Amino acid sequence: MPIRAASAPVSWGITENIAYPAEYPYSRVLDEIAEAGYTGTELGPYAFLPADPALLSQELARRNLTLCSAFVAMEPGDRSKHDAGLDHVQRTAKLLNQAGARMLILSDEITAERSAVAGRRPEANRLSWNDEQWKAAEEAIRKVIEICAGLGLEVAFHHHVATHVETPEELDRLLRSVPDLGLCLDTGHYAFGGGDPVAVLEKYAQRVKTIHLKDVDAKRLEEVRQRRMDFHSAVTHGVFVPLGKGMVNFAEILKTLRKINFEGWVVVEQDVLSGGRDADSPLANAKACRQFLRGLGV
């Protein structure tokens, strides 16, 4: 099976815990994903796309799109938040199952404390979970895997800037602690967090279930670090750019994926926020990224 390219609503500024831009209802986002040349999409925040499985399937089919996965954030390090988080997982996993998708992407929630040190690896590592929080996170993640297995879904964990699994050290600890957990490698977030996306892909080749292809502008990242911007300010500053315009070596990423016979989805993303750089041209950006990938044989 060839590598397949999908997009996601986040590239239109549709993200969790932020008001959605009114000019991009789900119908327009799906239209533009298809127009840009992608054959799949992620779900985006729950209920941005229709939460009724029949309507969701109808809307996707009209545009010849496949639902490939959904991103779900919870607070696994906090036992008091497990019930609410697992309810969210259950609800999303059920919708994915009914809509024919087979992948749930799990993440820790963004926190203000971690957002304030986003991208500054030593400072971020000093704010990692303590041992008891790591134990709670492992327990919650195992429950997520169990829930999803019952619905025919795999689970891949997304290391995310401004969360407790951002840095290479934190990702290593998580993957050691939960050996049956898959990985969603986000090339942009891993570079932002101080790591080498090519090296981590090679290291965890057998754990990678899906990829978020995202690029980072090296100059803006350095500005973000020097100015001590929080994560959302960094996104507004334009730290994430269209594929091929930043520091990530996508030729090596694709070469490695082919070497390991990767057969999943690559999801092209460019995190933007309304009013920030590149937020007013998501269709043009999506088309440019798709053309870039075609140049690499995808």
Protein backbone atom coordinates (compact mmCIF):
# COMPACT_ATOMS: atom_id res chain seq x y z
CA MET A 1 0.00 0.00 0.00
CA PRO A 2 1.50 3.41 -0.92
CA ILE A 3 1.97 6.20 1.59
CA ARG A 4 -1.22 8.27 1.62
CA ALA A 5 -1.44 12.01 2.25
CA ALA A 6 -4.10 13.58 4.45
CA SER A 7 -4.67 17.03 5.87
CA ALA A 8 -6.32 18.27 9.06
CA PRO A 9 -8.56 21.13 10.23
CA VAL A 10 -5.74 22.54 12.38
CA SER A 11 -4.19 23.98 9.21
CA TRP A 12 -7.29 26.20 8.96
CA GLY A 13 -6.91 27.40 12.55
CA ILE A 14 -9.34 24.83 13.94
CA THR A 15 -7.81 23.66 17.20
CA GLU A 16 -8.79 22.64 20.70
CA ASN A 17 -9.47 25.30 23.37
CA ILE A 18 -9.38 28.19 20.87
CA ALA A 19 -12.42 29.83 19.24
CA TYR A 20 -12.82 28.58 15.66
CA PRO A 21 -12.49 31.19 12.89
CA ALA A 22 -16.04 31.85 11.70
CA GLU A 23 -14.98 32.05 8.04
CA TYR A 24 -14.03 28.37 8.07
CA PRO A 25 -17.08 26.19 8.77
CA TYR A 26 -16.48 22.48 8.38
CA SER A 27 -17.97 22.40 4.88
CA ARG A 28 -15.43 24.92 3.60
CA VAL A 29 -12.53 23.18 5.34
CA LEU A 30 -13.46 19.82 3.79
CA ASP A 31 -13.95 21.44 0.37
CA GLU A 32 -10.50 23.02 0.55
CA ILE A 33 -8.79 19.85 1.81
CA ALA A 34 -10.15 18.02 -1.21
CA GLU A 35 -9.35 20.91 -3.58
CA ALA A 36 -5.75 20.95 -2.34
CA GLY A 37 -5.34 17.33 -3.45
CA TYR A 38 -5.55 15.31 -0.24
CA THR A 39 -7.48 12.05 0.02
CA GLY A 40 -7.87 11.97 3.79
CA THR A 41 -8.52 14.14 6.81
CA GLU A 42 -8.28 13.99 10.56
CA LEU A 43 -11.41 14.60 12.58
CA GLY A 44 -10.26 17.81 14.24
CA PRO A 45 -11.78 18.81 17.59
CA TYR A 46 -14.78 16.63 18.42
CA ALA A 47 -18.00 17.99 16.85
CA PHE A 48 -16.23 20.40 14.47
CA LEU A 49 -16.97 17.87 11.75
CA PRO A 50 -20.39 16.25 12.17
CA ALA A 51 -20.55 13.95 15.20
CA ASP A 52 -23.35 11.94 13.60
CA PRO A 53 -21.53 9.05 11.89
CA ALA A 54 -23.96 8.80 8.98
CA LEU A 55 -23.73 12.52 8.18
CA LEU A 56 -19.97 12.50 8.67
CA SER A 57 -19.56 9.60 6.26
CA GLN A 58 -21.84 11.31 3.75
CA GLU A 59 -19.89 14.58 3.90
CA LEU A 60 -16.57 12.77 3.45
CA ALA A 61 -17.84 10.60 0.60
CA ARG A 62 -19.12 13.66 -1.29
CA ARG A 63 -15.53 14.86 -1.45
CA ASN A 64 -13.84 11.47 -1.88
CA LEU A 65 -12.14 11.85 1.49
CA THR A 66 -11.28 9.17 4.04
CA LEU A 67 -11.30 9.79 7.79
CA CYS A 68 -7.84 8.60 8.85
CA SER A 69 -7.66 9.43 12.56
CA ALA A 70 -8.59 11.79 15.38
CA PHE A 71 -6.47 13.75 17.85
CA VAL A 72 -7.66 13.49 21.46
CA ALA A 73 -6.04 15.35 24.37
CA MET A 74 -6.60 14.46 28.01
CA GLU A 75 -4.65 14.85 31.28
CA PRO A 76 -3.22 11.40 31.95
CA GLY A 77 -0.86 12.61 34.67
CA ASP A 78 -3.78 13.78 36.84
CA ARG A 79 -5.92 10.95 38.22
CA SER A 80 -8.73 13.37 39.06
CA LYS A 81 -9.10 14.08 35.32
CA HIS A 82 -9.04 10.45 34.14
CA ASP A 83 -12.80 9.84 34.09
CA ALA A 84 -13.51 12.91 31.96
CA GLY A 85 -10.60 12.14 29.66
CA LEU A 86 -11.57 8.51 29.18
CA ASP A 87 -15.17 9.53 28.45
CA HIS A 88 -13.81 11.80 25.69
CA VAL A 89 -11.71 8.94 24.34
CA GLN A 90 -14.68 6.57 24.37
CA ARG A 91 -16.94 9.02 22.54
CA THR A 92 -14.33 9.79 19.90
CA ALA A 93 -13.28 6.16 19.45
CA LYS A 94 -16.89 5.14 18.90
CA LEU A 95 -17.31 7.78 16.18
CA LEU A 96 -14.05 6.73 14.51
CA ASN A 97 -15.17 3.11 14.51
CA GLN A 98 -18.54 3.99 12.99
CA ALA A 99 -16.92 6.21 10.34
CA GLY A 100 -14.40 3.56 9.34
CA ALA A 101 -11.21 5.05 10.81
CA ARG A 102 -8.74 2.86 12.67
CA MET A 103 -6.44 5.25 14.53
CA LEU A 104 -6.82 7.38 17.66
CA ILE A 105 -4.01 9.84 18.35
CA LEU A 106 -3.62 10.56 22.06
CA SER A 107 -1.88 13.54 23.66
CA ASP A 108 -1.44 15.23 26.98
CA GLU A 109 -3.27 18.54 27.35
CA ILE A 110 -1.49 21.85 26.91
CA THR A 111 -0.94 23.61 30.24
CA ALA A 112 -0.10 27.23 30.92
CA GLU A 113 2.99 26.21 32.90
CA ARG A 114 4.43 24.11 30.09
CA SER A 115 3.34 26.56 27.40
CA ALA A 116 5.40 29.26 29.11
CA VAL A 117 8.62 27.27 28.53
CA ALA A 118 7.69 25.76 25.17
CA GLY A 119 10.68 24.91 23.01
CA ARG A 120 13.26 25.55 25.74
CA ARG A 121 14.33 21.97 26.36
CA PRO A 122 16.22 22.26 29.69
CA GLU A 123 13.47 24.37 31.27
CA ALA A 124 10.76 22.10 29.94
CA ASN A 125 12.46 19.00 31.33
CA ARG A 126 12.59 20.60 34.78
CA LEU A 127 8.78 20.75 34.68
CA SER A 128 8.26 17.10 33.72
CA TRP A 129 5.78 14.93 35.60
CA ASN A 130 7.03 13.54 38.90
CA ASP A 131 7.20 9.76 39.38
CA GLU A 132 3.66 9.51 40.73
CA GLN A 133 2.29 11.52 37.81
CA TRP A 134 4.17 9.32 35.37
CA LYS A 135 2.59 6.28 37.01
CA ALA A 136 -0.87 7.84 36.68
CA ALA A 137 -0.21 8.67 33.03
CA GLU A 138 0.86 5.10 32.27
CA GLU A 139 -2.31 3.75 33.88
CA ALA A 140 -4.54 6.13 31.92
CA ILE A 141 -2.81 5.38 28.62
CA ARG A 142 -3.21 1.63 29.15
CA LYS A 143 -6.93 2.21 29.69
CA VAL A 144 -7.07 4.21 26.45
CA ILE A 145 -5.39 1.34 24.60
CA GLU A 146 -7.93 -1.09 26.07
CA ILE A 147 -10.91 1.07 25.12
CA CYS A 148 -9.66 1.54 21.58
CA ALA A 149 -8.78 -2.13 21.09
CA GLY A 150 -12.38 -2.98 21.90
CA LEU A 151 -13.46 -0.77 19.01
CA GLY A 152 -10.86 -1.99 16.53
CA LEU A 153 -8.59 1.04 16.85
CA GLU A 154 -4.86 1.45 17.33
CA VAL A 155 -3.48 4.17 19.60
CA ALA A 156 -0.54 6.40 18.71
CA PHE A 157 0.78 8.96 21.18
CA HIS A 158 1.48 12.48 19.93
CA HIS A 159 4.31 14.27 21.75
CA HIS A 160 3.09 17.86 21.77
CA VAL A 161 4.72 21.21 22.45
CA ALA A 162 3.48 22.80 25.70
CA THR A 163 2.55 19.46 27.30
CA HIS A 164 4.33 17.04 29.63
CA VAL A 165 5.46 14.93 26.69
CA GLU A 166 7.29 17.52 24.59
CA THR A 167 11.03 16.86 24.82
CA PRO A 168 13.02 13.89 23.51
CA GLU A 169 13.67 12.79 27.10
CA GLU A 170 9.96 12.78 27.94
CA LEU A 171 9.03 10.87 24.81
CA ASP A 172 11.74 8.28 25.51
CA ARG A 173 10.45 7.73 29.03
CA LEU A 174 6.88 7.32 27.85
CA LEU A 175 7.70 4.81 25.14
CA ARG A 176 9.86 2.80 27.56
CA SER A 177 7.05 2.78 30.11
CA VAL A 178 4.27 1.64 27.76
CA PRO A 179 5.87 -0.78 25.28
CA ASP A 180 2.65 -1.49 23.38
CA LEU A 181 1.93 2.19 22.72
CA GLY A 182 2.30 3.41 19.14
CA LEU A 183 3.85 6.73 18.16
CA CYS A 184 2.46 9.60 16.12
CA LEU A 185 5.63 11.43 15.14
CA ASP A 186 5.03 15.13 14.56
CA THR A 187 8.12 16.37 12.74
CA GLY A 188 7.50 20.02 13.59
CA HIS A 189 6.70 19.52 17.25
CA TYR A 190 9.71 17.27 17.74
CA ALA A 191 12.04 19.85 16.20
CA PHE A 192 10.38 22.62 18.26
CA GLY A 193 10.97 20.52 21.40
CA GLY A 194 14.68 20.25 20.68
CA GLY A 195 14.91 16.93 18.86
CA ASP A 196 15.93 15.56 15.46
CA PRO A 197 12.87 14.18 13.63
CA VAL A 198 14.92 11.93 11.34
CA ALA A 199 16.84 10.40 14.24
CA VAL A 200 13.74 9.69 16.31
CA LEU A 201 11.98 8.15 13.30
CA GLU A 202 14.90 5.79 12.84
CA LYS A 203 15.03 5.03 16.57
CA TYR A 204 11.34 4.17 16.90
CA ALA A 205 10.65 2.94 13.37
CA GLN A 206 8.65 -0.06 14.58
CA ARG A 207 6.50 2.06 16.90
CA VAL A 208 5.47 4.69 14.35
CA LYS A 209 1.82 4.29 13.35
CA THR A 210 1.19 7.64 11.70
CA ILE A 211 3.13 10.83 10.92
CA HIS A 212 2.26 14.50 11.17
CA LEU A 213 4.38 16.26 8.57
CA LYS A 214 5.03 19.78 9.80
CA ASP A 215 7.85 22.25 9.17
CA VAL A 216 9.51 24.82 11.44
CA ASP A 217 11.18 28.09 10.53
CA ALA A 218 14.57 27.97 12.28
CA LYS A 219 14.93 31.76 12.54
CA ARG A 220 11.49 32.23 14.04
CA LEU A 221 12.06 29.33 16.43
CA GLU A 222 15.19 31.01 17.70
CA GLU A 223 13.21 34.26 18.11
CA VAL A 224 10.54 32.36 20.03
CA ARG A 225 13.15 30.97 22.39
CA GLN A 226 15.01 34.26 22.85
CA ARG A 227 11.81 36.20 23.48
CA ARG A 228 10.45 33.45 25.77
CA MET A 229 7.17 33.24 23.89
CA ASP A 230 4.53 30.79 25.02
CA PHE A 231 3.29 28.17 22.59
CA HIS A 232 0.28 30.02 21.21
CA SER A 233 2.33 33.20 20.75
CA ALA A 234 4.88 31.12 18.85
CA VAL A 235 2.16 29.79 16.55
CA THR A 236 0.87 33.31 15.94
CA HIS A 237 4.45 34.42 15.26
CA GLY A 238 4.54 31.92 12.40
CA VAL A 239 7.00 29.37 13.75
CA PHE A 240 5.31 26.67 11.65
CA VAL A 241 5.60 27.11 7.89
CA PRO A 242 4.61 25.18 4.73
CA LEU A 243 6.59 22.01 4.03
CA GLY A 244 9.97 22.71 2.49
CA LYS A 245 10.17 26.25 3.85
CA GLY A 246 11.80 25.34 7.15
CA MET A 247 14.39 23.19 8.89
CA VAL A 248 12.90 19.67 8.67
CA ASN A 249 14.57 17.28 6.22
CA PHE A 250 11.52 15.73 4.57
CA ALA A 251 13.53 13.93 1.90
CA GLU A 252 15.20 11.92 4.66
CA ILE A 253 11.89 11.44 6.48
CA LEU A 254 10.29 9.95 3.34
CA LYS A 255 13.41 7.90 2.58
CA THR A 256 13.25 6.38 6.06
CA LEU A 257 9.52 5.68 5.81
CA ARG A 258 10.07 3.78 2.58
CA LYS A 259 13.00 1.90 4.08
CA ILE A 260 10.80 0.61 6.91
CA ASN A 261 7.90 -0.11 4.51
CA PHE A 262 5.60 2.35 6.26
CA GLU A 263 2.02 1.95 4.99
CA GLY A 264 0.07 4.45 7.04
CA TRP A 265 -1.14 8.01 6.56
CA VAL A 266 1.07 11.07 6.57
CA VAL A 267 -0.99 14.02 7.76
CA VAL A 268 0.21 17.39 6.50
CA GLU A 269 -0.29 20.11 9.08
CA GLN A 270 0.66 23.72 9.60
CA ASP A 271 -0.43 24.97 13.01
CA VAL A 272 -1.88 28.46 12.61
CA LEU A 273 -4.09 30.72 14.69
CA SER A 274 -6.51 33.37 13.49
CA GLY A 275 -4.75 36.70 13.09
CA GLY A 276 -1.31 35.14 12.99
CA ARG A 277 1.13 34.68 10.11
CA ASP A 278 -0.13 32.46 7.28
CA ALA A 279 -3.57 32.13 8.90
CA ASP A 280 -5.24 33.97 6.01
CA SER A 281 -4.02 31.58 3.31
CA PRO A 282 -4.63 27.99 4.42
CA LEU A 283 -5.75 26.75 0.99
CA ALA A 284 -2.68 28.16 -0.74
CA ASN A 285 -0.47 26.68 1.98
CA ALA A 286 -2.18 23.30 1.72
CA LYS A 287 -1.75 23.27 -2.05
CA ALA A 288 1.92 24.22 -1.77
CA CYS A 289 2.51 21.43 0.74
CA ARG A 290 0.75 18.91 -1.45
CA GLN A 291 2.85 19.95 -4.45
CA PHE A 292 6.00 19.69 -2.34
CA LEU A 293 5.10 16.14 -1.32
CA ARG A 294 4.41 15.16 -4.91
CA GLY A 295 7.96 16.28 -5.67
CA LEU A 296 9.09 13.70 -3.12
CA GLY A 297 6.98 10.97 -4.70
CA VAL A 298 3.96 11.04 -2.34
